[in-house]
Amino acid sequence: MTHTYQLTGMTCGGCENKVKSNLLVLPDVTSVEVSKDTNSATISMDKHIGLDTLQQALGGKDSKYQISATHHSETLEEAKSWAETYKPILLIFSYVTAISLVVSWQSSGINFMVFMRVFMAGFFLTFSFFKMLNLKAFAESYAMYDIIAKKFGAWGYIYAFIELGLGLSFALNLSPVAVNWVTLIVMTVSILGVLESVLNKKKIQCACLGAVFNLPMSTVTIVEDAIMIAMSAAMLILM
């Protein structure tokens, strides 16, 4: 994608070269054209980059170079970028939710216990599948933030099989009390490492879909784990 911005503060050719070189070092920026005469910058990028990031590359908010969007909506572009980044997870949740609704639908309405069980079965089976495609790469990525995997590397391998086992158990409705307790404990431990990474603003790859998709660690990962924790706790309470 290519956007044209208003960029003030350039007074000479040296300014143009400095601004251009500072923007070109940003990841995902492929080309930059700037003009002091029109106070503009045309930037081509592989994915949308927020104004804050662009301004930081120019020296921060106190820099004499100030960049602003004039030809596009930043809010809309950020929404598009977010949706594109998390498209795999959004599609998975949509499919799993739709299937769960169909299976749990009864004449009197939705059976929420069945809905949650089917949803969790679909969730764990799908996510374990992507992890199994490259188990070694998943374990290495998982060890970057999970509190157990950091100290015990084999936990990444074990975790993938635990997810597979939970998925099959929910699908077959095996030992629901024990399975929900295992889910509650495992996902609670898992979310601790995710929370730490997100709160510390660590820019690392989320291993939730293995190494197949390069998804950044974010609040989306927290929500994903929190849903599993909430559903397992709800099922234990309602049983």
C-alpha atoms as a PDB file:
ATOM      1  CA  MET A   1       0.000   0.000   0.000  1.00  0.00           C
ATOM      2  CA  THR A   2       1.068   3.584  -0.619  1.00  0.00           C
ATOM      3  CA  HIS A   3       0.047   6.672   1.379  1.00  0.00           C
ATOM      4  CA  THR A   4       0.858  10.351   0.943  1.00  0.00           C
ATOM      5  CA  TYR A   5       1.384  12.385   4.105  1.00  0.00           C
ATOM      6  CA  GLN A   6       1.922  16.026   4.951  1.00  0.00           C
ATOM      7  CA  LEU A   7       5.452  16.376   6.294  1.00  0.00           C
ATOM      8  CA  THR A   8       6.607  19.759   7.556  1.00  0.00           C
ATOM      9  CA  GLY A   9      10.022  20.941   8.760  1.00  0.00           C
ATOM     10  CA  MET A  10      12.145  20.160   5.691  1.00  0.00           C
ATOM     11  CA  THR A  11      14.113  23.213   4.534  1.00  0.00           C
ATOM     12  CA  CYS A  12      16.850  21.813   2.294  1.00  0.00           C
ATOM     13  CA  GLY A  13      18.054  18.803   0.361  1.00  0.00           C
ATOM     14  CA  GLY A  14      19.866  17.543   3.435  1.00  0.00           C
ATOM     15  CA  CYS A  15      16.559  17.495   5.339  1.00  0.00           C
ATOM     16  CA  GLU A  16      14.949  15.521   2.569  1.00  0.00           C
ATOM     17  CA  ASN A  17      17.739  12.930   2.609  1.00  0.00           C
ATOM     18  CA  LYS A  18      17.628  12.628   6.401  1.00  0.00           C
ATOM     19  CA  VAL A  19      13.863  12.188   6.507  1.00  0.00           C
ATOM     20  CA  LYS A  20      13.938   9.666   3.682  1.00  0.00           C
ATOM     21  CA  SER A  21      16.708   7.555   5.261  1.00  0.00           C
ATOM     22  CA  ASN A  22      15.013   7.604   8.679  1.00  0.00           C
ATOM     23  CA  LEU A  23      11.745   6.340   7.226  1.00  0.00           C
ATOM     24  CA  LEU A  24      13.371   3.714   5.013  1.00  0.00           C
ATOM     25  CA  VAL A  25      14.865   1.885   7.996  1.00  0.00           C
ATOM     26  CA  LEU A  26      11.388   1.073   9.341  1.00  0.00           C
ATOM     27  CA  PRO A  27      10.319  -2.554   8.867  1.00  0.00           C
ATOM     28  CA  ASP A  28       7.724  -2.980   6.092  1.00  0.00           C
ATOM     29  CA  VAL A  29       8.626   0.343   4.407  1.00  0.00           C
ATOM     30  CA  THR A  30       9.629  -0.382   0.805  1.00  0.00           C
ATOM     31  CA  SER A  31      10.081   3.096  -0.686  1.00  0.00           C
ATOM     32  CA  VAL A  32       9.923   6.763   0.315  1.00  0.00           C
ATOM     33  CA  GLU A  33       9.653   9.926  -1.734  1.00  0.00           C
ATOM     34  CA  VAL A  34       9.753  13.311   0.032  1.00  0.00           C
ATOM     35  CA  SER A  35       9.533  16.935  -1.109  1.00  0.00           C
ATOM     36  CA  LYS A  36      10.304  20.077   0.870  1.00  0.00           C
ATOM     37  CA  ASP A  37       8.542  22.131  -1.785  1.00  0.00           C
ATOM     38  CA  THR A  38       5.172  20.444  -1.289  1.00  0.00           C
ATOM     39  CA  ASN A  39       5.790  19.431   2.358  1.00  0.00           C
ATOM     40  CA  SER A  40       4.851  15.862   1.498  1.00  0.00           C
ATOM     41  CA  ALA A  41       6.043  12.302   1.881  1.00  0.00           C
ATOM     42  CA  THR A  42       4.813   9.377  -0.202  1.00  0.00           C
ATOM     43  CA  ILE A  43       5.503   6.100   1.572  1.00  0.00           C
ATOM     44  CA  SER A  44       5.003   2.587   0.204  1.00  0.00           C
ATOM     45  CA  MET A  45       4.709  -0.173   2.809  1.00  0.00           C
ATOM     46  CA  ASP A  46       3.918  -3.867   2.982  1.00  0.00           C
ATOM     47  CA  LYS A  47       1.357  -3.196   5.715  1.00  0.00           C
ATOM     48  CA  HIS A  48      -0.020  -0.085   7.335  1.00  0.00           C
ATOM     49  CA  ILE A  49       2.297   1.714   9.749  1.00  0.00           C
ATOM     50  CA  GLY A  50       0.738   4.031  12.317  1.00  0.00           C
ATOM     51  CA  LEU A  51       1.504   7.744  12.512  1.00  0.00           C
ATOM     52  CA  ASP A  52       3.073   7.343  15.949  1.00  0.00           C
ATOM     53  CA  THR A  53       5.650   4.928  14.533  1.00  0.00           C
ATOM     54  CA  LEU A  54       6.412   7.206  11.596  1.00  0.00           C
ATOM     55  CA  GLN A  55       6.759  10.235  13.886  1.00  0.00           C
ATOM     56  CA  GLN A  56       9.042   8.287  16.220  1.00  0.00           C
ATOM     57  CA  ALA A  57      11.309   7.459  13.276  1.00  0.00           C
ATOM     58  CA  LEU A  58      11.534  11.177  12.542  1.00  0.00           C
ATOM     59  CA  GLY A  59      12.757  11.993  16.051  1.00  0.00           C
ATOM     60  CA  GLY A  60       9.626  11.871  18.145  1.00  0.00           C
ATOM     61  CA  LYS A  61       6.900  14.382  18.912  1.00  0.00           C
ATOM     62  CA  ASP A  62       9.416  17.176  19.618  1.00  0.00           C
ATOM     63  CA  SER A  63      11.213  16.778  16.285  1.00  0.00           C
ATOM     64  CA  LYS A  64      11.153  19.654  13.817  1.00  0.00           C
ATOM     65  CA  TYR A  65       9.820  17.141  11.287  1.00  0.00           C
ATOM     66  CA  GLN A  66       6.098  16.587  11.814  1.00  0.00           C
ATOM     67  CA  ILE A  67       4.074  14.069   9.821  1.00  0.00           C
ATOM     68  CA  SER A  68       0.284  13.912   9.510  1.00  0.00           C
ATOM     69  CA  ALA A  69      -2.291  12.096   7.389  1.00  0.00           C
ATOM     70  CA  THR A  70      -4.228  14.246   4.948  1.00  0.00           C
ATOM     71  CA  HIS A  71      -5.352  11.887   2.189  1.00  0.00           C
ATOM     72  CA  HIS A  72      -6.590   8.885   4.174  1.00  0.00           C
ATOM     73  CA  SER A  73      -8.274   7.973   7.460  1.00  0.00           C
ATOM     74  CA  GLU A  74      -5.792   6.592   9.983  1.00  0.00           C
ATOM     75  CA  THR A  75      -8.592   4.983  11.977  1.00  0.00           C
ATOM     76  CA  LEU A  76      -9.873   3.116   8.936  1.00  0.00           C
ATOM     77  CA  GLU A  77      -6.393   2.048   7.849  1.00  0.00           C
ATOM     78  CA  GLU A  78      -5.527   0.785  11.320  1.00  0.00           C
ATOM     79  CA  ALA A  79      -8.773  -1.196  11.441  1.00  0.00           C
ATOM     80  CA  LYS A  80      -7.984  -2.739   8.046  1.00  0.00           C
ATOM     81  CA  SER A  81      -4.439  -3.538   9.162  1.00  0.00           C
ATOM     82  CA  TRP A  82      -5.659  -5.144  12.412  1.00  0.00           C
ATOM     83  CA  ALA A  83      -8.215  -7.270  10.549  1.00  0.00           C
ATOM     84  CA  GLU A  84      -5.621  -8.357   7.982  1.00  0.00           C
ATOM     85  CA  THR A  85      -3.056  -9.226  10.659  1.00  0.00           C
ATOM     86  CA  TYR A  86      -5.449 -11.347  12.698  1.00  0.00           C
ATOM     87  CA  LYS A  87      -7.439 -12.731   9.767  1.00  0.00           C
ATOM     88  CA  PRO A  88      -6.426 -16.390  10.478  1.00  0.00           C
ATOM     89  CA  ILE A  89      -7.626 -16.242  14.091  1.00  0.00           C
ATOM     90  CA  LEU A  90     -10.791 -14.329  13.177  1.00  0.00           C
ATOM     91  CA  LEU A  91     -11.671 -16.934  10.533  1.00  0.00           C
ATOM     92  CA  ILE A  92     -11.011 -19.819  12.916  1.00  0.00           C
ATOM     93  CA  PHE A  93     -13.186 -18.289  15.636  1.00  0.00           C
ATOM     94  CA  SER A  94     -15.937 -17.572  13.113  1.00  0.00           C
ATOM     95  CA  TYR A  95     -15.952 -21.141  11.784  1.00  0.00           C
ATOM     96  CA  VAL A  96     -15.765 -22.732  15.244  1.00  0.00           C
ATOM     97  CA  THR A  97     -18.526 -20.451  16.561  1.00  0.00           C
ATOM     98  CA  ALA A  98     -20.789 -21.197  13.586  1.00  0.00           C
ATOM     99  CA  ILE A  99     -20.322 -24.964  13.920  1.00  0.00           C
ATOM    100  CA  SER A 100     -20.899 -24.788  17.680  1.00  0.00           C
ATOM    101  CA  LEU A 101     -24.133 -22.859  17.191  1.00  0.00           C
ATOM    102  CA  VAL A 102     -25.416 -25.380  14.643  1.00  0.00           C
ATOM    103  CA  VAL A 103     -24.582 -28.389  16.819  1.00  0.00           C
ATOM    104  CA  SER A 104     -25.966 -26.852  20.028  1.00  0.00           C
ATOM    105  CA  TRP A 105     -29.187 -25.543  18.484  1.00  0.00           C
ATOM    106  CA  GLN A 106     -32.297 -27.217  19.876  1.00  0.00           C
ATOM    107  CA  SER A 107     -35.997 -26.581  19.404  1.00  0.00           C
ATOM    108  CA  SER A 108     -36.092 -24.464  22.549  1.00  0.00           C
ATOM    109  CA  GLY A 109     -32.940 -22.532  21.683  1.00  0.00           C
ATOM    110  CA  ILE A 110     -29.209 -22.931  22.180  1.00  0.00           C
ATOM    111  CA  ASN A 111     -27.902 -25.425  24.708  1.00  0.00           C
ATOM    112  CA  PHE A 112     -24.994 -23.412  26.106  1.00  0.00           C
ATOM    113  CA  MET A 113     -23.293 -26.400  27.718  1.00  0.00           C
ATOM    114  CA  VAL A 114     -23.179 -28.155  24.350  1.00  0.00           C
ATOM    115  CA  PHE A 115     -22.126 -24.907  22.643  1.00  0.00           C
ATOM    116  CA  MET A 116     -19.161 -24.430  24.997  1.00  0.00           C
ATOM    117  CA  ARG A 117     -18.101 -28.072  24.756  1.00  0.00           C
ATOM    118  CA  VAL A 118     -18.179 -28.087  20.945  1.00  0.00           C
ATOM    119  CA  PHE A 119     -16.492 -24.676  20.766  1.00  0.00           C
ATOM    120  CA  MET A 120     -13.644 -25.837  23.008  1.00  0.00           C
ATOM    121  CA  ALA A 121     -13.296 -29.070  21.033  1.00  0.00           C
ATOM    122  CA  GLY A 122     -13.017 -27.114  17.788  1.00  0.00           C
ATOM    123  CA  PHE A 123     -10.661 -24.570  19.335  1.00  0.00           C
ATOM    124  CA  PHE A 124      -8.197 -27.089  20.737  1.00  0.00           C
ATOM    125  CA  LEU A 125      -8.265 -29.419  17.724  1.00  0.00           C
ATOM    126  CA  THR A 126      -7.686 -26.565  15.273  1.00  0.00           C
ATOM    127  CA  PHE A 127      -4.945 -24.849  17.242  1.00  0.00           C
ATOM    128  CA  SER A 128      -3.156 -28.131  17.994  1.00  0.00           C
ATOM    129  CA  PHE A 129      -3.274 -28.987  14.276  1.00  0.00           C
ATOM    130  CA  PHE A 130      -1.323 -25.857  13.340  1.00  0.00           C
ATOM    131  CA  LYS A 131       1.174 -26.512  16.112  1.00  0.00           C
ATOM    132  CA  MET A 132       1.735 -30.071  14.885  1.00  0.00           C
ATOM    133  CA  LEU A 133       2.646 -28.831  11.381  1.00  0.00           C
ATOM    134  CA  ASN A 134       5.999 -27.682  12.776  1.00  0.00           C
ATOM    135  CA  LEU A 135       6.247 -28.855  16.356  1.00  0.00           C
ATOM    136  CA  LYS A 136       9.887 -27.841  16.794  1.00  0.00           C
ATOM    137  CA  ALA A 137       9.293 -24.278  15.585  1.00  0.00           C
ATOM    138  CA  PHE A 138       6.262 -23.975  17.866  1.00  0.00           C
ATOM    139  CA  ALA A 139       8.204 -25.160  20.902  1.00  0.00           C
ATOM    140  CA  GLU A 140      10.976 -22.659  20.189  1.00  0.00           C
ATOM    141  CA  SER A 141       8.520 -19.772  19.791  1.00  0.00           C
ATOM    142  CA  TYR A 142       6.535 -20.820  22.862  1.00  0.00           C
ATOM    143  CA  ALA A 143       9.695 -20.876  24.991  1.00  0.00           C
ATOM    144  CA  MET A 144      10.162 -17.164  24.308  1.00  0.00           C
ATOM    145  CA  TYR A 145       7.267 -16.186  26.572  1.00  0.00           C
ATOM    146  CA  ASP A 146       5.649 -19.110  28.387  1.00  0.00           C
ATOM    147  CA  ILE A 147       6.696 -19.226  32.048  1.00  0.00           C
ATOM    148  CA  ILE A 148       7.140 -23.031  32.070  1.00  0.00           C
ATOM    149  CA  ALA A 149       8.608 -23.455  28.580  1.00  0.00           C
ATOM    150  CA  LYS A 150      11.287 -20.858  29.402  1.00  0.00           C
ATOM    151  CA  LYS A 151      12.691 -23.196  32.065  1.00  0.00           C
ATOM    152  CA  PHE A 152      11.639 -26.548  30.624  1.00  0.00           C
ATOM    153  CA  GLY A 153      11.991 -26.592  26.837  1.00  0.00           C
ATOM    154  CA  ALA A 154      10.122 -29.881  26.404  1.00  0.00           C
ATOM    155  CA  TRP A 155       6.962 -28.253  27.737  1.00  0.00           C
ATOM    156  CA  GLY A 156       6.269 -26.748  24.299  1.00  0.00           C
ATOM    157  CA  TYR A 157       6.095 -30.241  22.785  1.00  0.00           C
ATOM    158  CA  ILE A 158       3.978 -31.551  25.673  1.00  0.00           C
ATOM    159  CA  TYR A 159       1.614 -28.575  25.489  1.00  0.00           C
ATOM    160  CA  ALA A 160       0.761 -29.233  21.841  1.00  0.00           C
ATOM    161  CA  PHE A 161      -0.274 -32.816  22.691  1.00  0.00           C
ATOM    162  CA  ILE A 162      -2.229 -31.621  25.735  1.00  0.00           C
ATOM    163  CA  GLU A 163      -4.229 -29.346  23.420  1.00  0.00           C
ATOM    164  CA  LEU A 164      -4.848 -32.269  21.067  1.00  0.00           C
ATOM    165  CA  GLY A 165      -5.961 -34.460  23.981  1.00  0.00           C
ATOM    166  CA  LEU A 166      -8.279 -31.755  25.312  1.00  0.00           C
ATOM    167  CA  GLY A 167      -9.814 -31.273  21.874  1.00  0.00           C
ATOM    168  CA  LEU A 168     -10.540 -34.980  21.494  1.00  0.00           C
ATOM    169  CA  SER A 169     -11.851 -35.213  25.063  1.00  0.00           C
ATOM    170  CA  PHE A 170     -14.281 -32.330  24.568  1.00  0.00           C
ATOM    171  CA  ALA A 171     -15.406 -33.742  21.219  1.00  0.00           C
ATOM    172  CA  LEU A 172     -16.112 -37.156  22.778  1.00  0.00           C
ATOM    173  CA  ASN A 173     -17.369 -35.664  26.072  1.00  0.00           C
ATOM    174  CA  LEU A 174     -14.919 -37.752  28.082  1.00  0.00           C
ATOM    175  CA  SER A 175     -14.590 -37.149  31.843  1.00  0.00           C
ATOM    176  CA  PRO A 176     -15.905 -33.574  31.600  1.00  0.00           C
ATOM    177  CA  VAL A 177     -15.032 -32.593  35.175  1.00  0.00           C
ATOM    178  CA  ALA A 178     -11.409 -33.716  34.921  1.00  0.00           C
ATOM    179  CA  VAL A 179     -11.010 -32.302  31.408  1.00  0.00           C
ATOM    180  CA  ASN A 180     -12.370 -28.895  32.429  1.00  0.00           C
ATOM    181  CA  TRP A 181     -10.081 -28.763  35.454  1.00  0.00           C
ATOM    182  CA  VAL A 182      -7.077 -29.565  33.255  1.00  0.00           C
ATOM    183  CA  THR A 183      -8.169 -26.877  30.796  1.00  0.00           C
ATOM    184  CA  LEU A 184      -8.619 -24.309  33.564  1.00  0.00           C
ATOM    185  CA  ILE A 185      -5.180 -24.990  35.047  1.00  0.00           C
ATOM    186  CA  VAL A 186      -3.253 -25.260  31.761  1.00  0.00           C
ATOM    187  CA  MET A 187      -4.789 -22.148  30.202  1.00  0.00           C
ATOM    188  CA  THR A 188      -4.350 -20.113  33.395  1.00  0.00           C
ATOM    189  CA  VAL A 189      -0.644 -20.945  33.435  1.00  0.00           C
ATOM    190  CA  SER A 190      -0.430 -20.187  29.715  1.00  0.00           C
ATOM    191  CA  ILE A 191      -2.046 -16.762  30.012  1.00  0.00           C
ATOM    192  CA  LEU A 192       0.487 -15.621  32.631  1.00  0.00           C
ATOM    193  CA  GLY A 193       3.326 -15.581  30.095  1.00  0.00           C
ATOM    194  CA  VAL A 194       1.113 -13.860  27.541  1.00  0.00           C
ATOM    195  CA  LEU A 195       0.128 -11.145  30.033  1.00  0.00           C
ATOM    196  CA  GLU A 196       3.753 -10.532  30.941  1.00  0.00           C
ATOM    197  CA  SER A 197       4.777 -10.167  27.290  1.00  0.00           C
ATOM    198  CA  VAL A 198       1.888  -7.856  26.375  1.00  0.00           C
ATOM    199  CA  LEU A 199       2.234  -5.653  29.469  1.00  0.00           C
ATOM    200  CA  ASN A 200       5.981  -5.323  28.876  1.00  0.00           C
ATOM    201  CA  LYS A 201       5.256  -4.554  25.199  1.00  0.00           C
ATOM    202  CA  LYS A 202       7.570  -7.283  23.972  1.00  0.00           C
ATOM    203  CA  LYS A 203       7.417  -7.579  20.186  1.00  0.00           C
ATOM    204  CA  ILE A 204       7.528 -11.333  19.743  1.00  0.00           C
ATOM    205  CA  GLN A 205       5.632 -13.844  17.661  1.00  0.00           C
ATOM    206  CA  CYS A 206       2.574 -15.472  19.166  1.00  0.00           C
ATOM    207  CA  ALA A 207       2.832 -19.259  18.953  1.00  0.00           C
ATOM    208  CA  CYS A 208      -0.916 -19.907  19.239  1.00  0.00           C
ATOM    209  CA  LEU A 209      -1.087 -21.048  15.598  1.00  0.00           C
ATOM    210  CA  GLY A 210       2.360 -22.585  15.630  1.00  0.00           C
ATOM    211  CA  ALA A 211       4.891 -21.244  13.140  1.00  0.00           C
ATOM    212  CA  VAL A 212       2.467 -21.223  10.197  1.00  0.00           C
ATOM    213  CA  PHE A 213       1.274 -17.635  10.715  1.00  0.00           C
ATOM    214  CA  ASN A 214       3.429 -14.764  11.945  1.00  0.00           C
ATOM    215  CA  LEU A 215       1.018 -13.262  14.458  1.00  0.00           C
ATOM    216  CA  PRO A 216       2.233 -10.661  16.958  1.00  0.00           C
ATOM    217  CA  MET A 217       1.665 -11.169  20.671  1.00  0.00           C
ATOM    218  CA  SER A 218      -1.198  -8.865  21.661  1.00  0.00           C
ATOM    219  CA  THR A 219      -4.427  -8.507  23.610  1.00  0.00           C
ATOM    220  CA  VAL A 220      -6.003 -10.847  21.038  1.00  0.00           C
ATOM    221  CA  THR A 221      -3.916 -13.671  22.507  1.00  0.00           C
ATOM    222  CA  ILE A 222      -5.070 -12.724  26.012  1.00  0.00           C
ATOM    223  CA  VAL A 223      -8.723 -12.787  24.924  1.00  0.00           C
ATOM    224  CA  GLU A 224      -8.211 -16.151  23.224  1.00  0.00           C
ATOM    225  CA  ASP A 225      -6.814 -17.758  26.404  1.00  0.00           C
ATOM    226  CA  ALA A 226      -9.312 -15.948  28.638  1.00  0.00           C
ATOM    227  CA  ILE A 227     -12.251 -17.386  26.666  1.00  0.00           C
ATOM    228  CA  MET A 228     -11.005 -20.909  27.307  1.00  0.00           C
ATOM    229  CA  ILE A 229     -10.509 -20.166  31.008  1.00  0.00           C
ATOM    230  CA  ALA A 230     -13.976 -18.632  31.312  1.00  0.00           C
ATOM    231  CA  MET A 231     -15.697 -21.484  29.458  1.00  0.00           C
ATOM    232  CA  SER A 232     -13.984 -24.222  31.452  1.00  0.00           C
ATOM    233  CA  ALA A 233     -14.824 -22.443  34.719  1.00  0.00           C
ATOM    234  CA  ALA A 234     -18.444 -21.925  33.623  1.00  0.00           C
ATOM    235  CA  MET A 235     -18.834 -25.589  32.711  1.00  0.00           C
ATOM    236  CA  LEU A 236     -17.443 -26.681  36.085  1.00  0.00           C
ATOM    237  CA  ILE A 237     -19.893 -24.380  37.871  1.00  0.00           C
ATOM    238  CA  LEU A 238     -22.896 -25.510  35.799  1.00  0.00           C
ATOM    239  CA  MET A 239     -22.194 -29.227  36.041  1.00  0.00           C
END
